[in-house]
Protein backbone atom coordinates (compact mmCIF):
# COMPACT_ATOMS: atom_id res chain seq x y z
CA UNK A 1 230.78 72.60 138.98
CA UNK A 2 232.43 72.41 142.80
CA UNK A 3 236.18 73.58 143.02
CA UNK A 4 238.87 71.68 144.85
CA UNK A 5 239.49 73.40 148.34
CA UNK A 6 242.45 75.11 148.32
CA UNK A 7 245.54 74.16 150.98
CA UNK A 8 245.55 77.39 153.37
CA UNK A 9 247.30 78.37 156.53
CA UNK A 10 245.09 80.26 158.24
CA UNK A 11 247.35 82.43 161.15
CA UNK A 12 246.66 85.98 163.75
CA UNK A 13 248.28 88.49 161.64
CA UNK A 14 251.66 90.00 163.32
CA UNK A 15 253.32 92.99 162.44
CA UNK A 16 255.85 91.26 159.62
CA UNK A 17 252.20 90.25 158.11
CA UNK A 18 250.77 93.59 157.52
CA UNK A 19 252.36 94.12 153.65
CA UNK A 20 250.40 91.03 152.99
CA UNK A 21 247.65 91.87 154.24
CA UNK A 22 247.26 95.92 153.34
CA UNK A 23 246.47 95.63 149.49
CA UNK A 24 243.30 93.35 150.86
CA UNK A 25 242.02 95.73 153.34
CA UNK A 26 242.52 98.40 150.39
CA UNK A 27 240.61 95.99 147.62
CA UNK A 28 237.71 95.21 150.76
CA UNK A 29 237.43 99.22 150.74
CA UNK A 30 237.38 99.85 148.14
CA UNK A 31 234.54 97.03 147.13
CA UNK A 32 232.34 98.33 150.11
CA UNK A 33 233.19 101.89 148.16
CA UNK A 34 234.92 103.96 151.15
CA UNK A 35 238.10 104.88 151.52
CA UNK A 36 240.05 105.45 155.10
CA UNK A 37 243.70 106.91 154.86
CA UNK A 38 246.20 103.72 155.25
CA UNK A 39 247.57 105.52 158.32
CA UNK A 40 243.99 104.39 159.83
CA UNK A 41 243.91 101.38 159.12
CA UNK A 42 247.48 100.04 160.02
CA UNK A 43 246.33 101.63 163.37
CA UNK A 44 243.41 99.76 163.67
CA UNK A 45 245.64 96.38 162.64
CA UNK A 46 247.96 97.32 165.15
CA UNK A 47 246.04 97.84 167.85
CA UNK A 48 244.24 94.46 167.32
CA UNK A 49 247.96 92.97 167.72
CA UNK A 50 248.40 94.88 171.09
CA UNK A 51 245.32 93.63 172.30
CA UNK A 52 243.95 90.74 170.98
CA UNK A 53 240.87 90.56 173.95
CA UNK A 54 239.21 92.79 171.82
CA UNK A 55 239.60 91.50 168.83
CA UNK A 56 241.69 90.07 166.03
CA UNK A 57 242.49 89.44 162.53
CA UNK A 58 243.29 86.28 160.63
CA UNK A 59 245.30 86.10 157.55
CA UNK A 60 244.89 83.14 155.02
CA UNK A 61 247.63 82.26 152.94
CA UNK A 62 248.05 79.52 150.16
CA UNK A 63 250.55 76.76 150.97
CA UNK A 64 252.61 76.15 148.09
CA UNK A 65 253.82 72.22 147.00
CA UNK A 66 256.84 72.09 148.83
CA UNK A 67 255.20 73.52 151.94
CA UNK A 68 256.07 77.04 152.29
CA UNK A 69 253.71 79.64 152.78
CA UNK A 70 252.71 81.52 149.64
CA UNK A 71 250.50 83.94 148.44
CA UNK A 72 248.04 85.67 151.11
CA UNK A 73 244.65 84.81 149.93
CA UNK A 74 242.13 86.07 152.52
CA UNK A 75 241.63 87.86 156.05
CA UNK A 76 239.23 87.87 158.44
CA UNK A 77 238.62 90.82 161.64
CA UNK A 78 237.14 89.30 165.03
CA UNK A 79 235.74 91.49 167.54
CA UNK A 80 234.87 90.37 170.93
CA UNK A 81 231.95 91.79 172.73
CA UNK A 82 228.74 90.36 174.98
CA UNK A 83 225.47 90.44 173.57
CA UNK A 84 222.56 90.70 176.44
CA UNK A 85 220.15 88.89 174.21
CA UNK A 86 221.96 85.90 174.48
CA UNK A 87 224.06 86.59 177.76
CA UNK A 88 226.95 85.44 176.40
CA UNK A 89 230.34 86.60 175.09
CA UNK A 90 230.48 86.72 171.42
CA UNK A 91 232.92 87.06 168.65
CA UNK A 92 231.73 89.48 165.81
CA UNK A 93 233.69 88.79 162.54
CA UNK A 94 233.53 92.90 161.09
CA UNK A 95 235.15 91.69 157.95
CA UNK A 96 235.58 88.92 155.55
CA UNK A 97 237.94 88.88 152.12
CA UNK A 98 239.08 86.56 150.26
CA UNK A 99 241.00 87.75 146.74
CA UNK A 100 238.77 87.23 143.52
CA UNK A 101 241.12 84.50 142.38
CA UNK A 102 240.96 82.44 145.37
CA UNK A 103 236.80 82.91 145.63
CA UNK A 104 235.20 79.32 145.08
CA UNK A 105 238.01 77.68 146.20
CA UNK A 106 237.22 77.14 149.97
CA UNK A 107 239.26 80.04 151.60
CA UNK A 108 236.37 81.70 152.77
CA UNK A 109 234.95 79.13 154.08
CA UNK A 110 238.07 77.94 156.33
CA UNK A 111 238.53 81.74 157.67
CA UNK A 112 235.09 81.22 158.98
CA UNK A 113 235.47 78.13 160.36
CA UNK A 114 238.67 79.69 161.88
CA UNK A 115 236.63 82.21 163.82
CA UNK A 116 234.16 80.00 164.83
CA UNK A 117 237.63 77.92 165.89
CA UNK A 118 238.18 81.41 167.59
CA UNK A 119 235.22 81.62 169.14
CA UNK A 120 235.19 78.19 171.06
CA UNK A 121 238.53 79.35 172.50
CA UNK A 122 237.11 82.00 173.88
CA UNK A 123 233.97 80.77 175.29
CA UNK A 124 232.03 82.68 173.03
CA UNK A 125 228.50 81.74 172.12
CA UNK A 126 228.22 82.52 168.61
CA UNK A 127 229.89 84.18 165.53
CA UNK A 128 227.63 86.89 164.32
CA UNK A 129 228.34 89.14 160.99
CA UNK A 130 226.41 90.77 158.82
CA UNK A 131 226.97 91.62 154.46
CA UNK A 132 225.11 94.24 151.79
CA UNK A 133 222.08 92.77 150.59
CA UNK A 134 223.31 92.87 147.60
CA UNK A 135 226.17 90.63 148.29
CA UNK A 136 224.86 87.26 146.61
CA UNK A 137 227.80 85.61 146.52
CA UNK A 138 228.93 86.05 150.26
CA UNK A 139 224.83 85.14 151.67
CA UNK A 140 225.38 81.89 149.09
CA UNK A 141 228.18 81.02 151.06
CA UNK A 142 226.76 81.24 154.35
CA UNK A 143 223.52 79.92 153.28
CA UNK A 144 225.24 77.10 152.40
CA UNK A 145 227.36 76.90 156.00
CA UNK A 146 223.93 76.14 157.40
CA UNK A 147 224.21 79.98 158.93
CA UNK A 148 221.46 81.68 159.33
CA UNK A 149 219.96 84.98 158.11
CA UNK A 150 219.30 87.33 161.28
CA UNK A 151 215.78 89.34 161.98
CA UNK A 152 217.94 92.73 162.39
CA UNK A 153 218.14 95.65 160.53
CA UNK A 154 221.90 97.23 161.21
CA UNK A 155 221.62 101.19 160.98
CA UNK A 156 224.60 102.95 161.85
CA UNK A 157 225.41 107.47 162.47
CA UNK A 158 228.44 109.14 162.48
CA UNK A 159 229.84 109.29 166.01
CA UNK A 160 231.35 112.96 165.10
């Protein structure tokens, strides 16, 4: 059954939005079973607010029947970098999260499209992202949008 698209406002995160964003950041971290300290999450958010050339966060909020901004529905984080293999600037959507009660209402799709719009504004050739191998719900959304999985396998190593 297809759900109607939720009427949503998507704006860049500002300092005043941090109390709305923090519970979603924590839920996102919980989903991936990690536990960074809150002060470090706030520092990340503030760094992106202060340095938009490095990236930014987008906050999705419900638009109530009276046109006022309502509850937060999700967020996305985009970082700007270059990719040699494309010889172009790209956007890296490092995070995408939608609150459970808004899943299936088009919020994730709208956040991705907003990230793509940010890429166009910055002259980025593409938007790239990763998801967990077992996050089949997210993969279904990405596939439905025409996104293609890459042939790359991600690795990571601690810096400390």
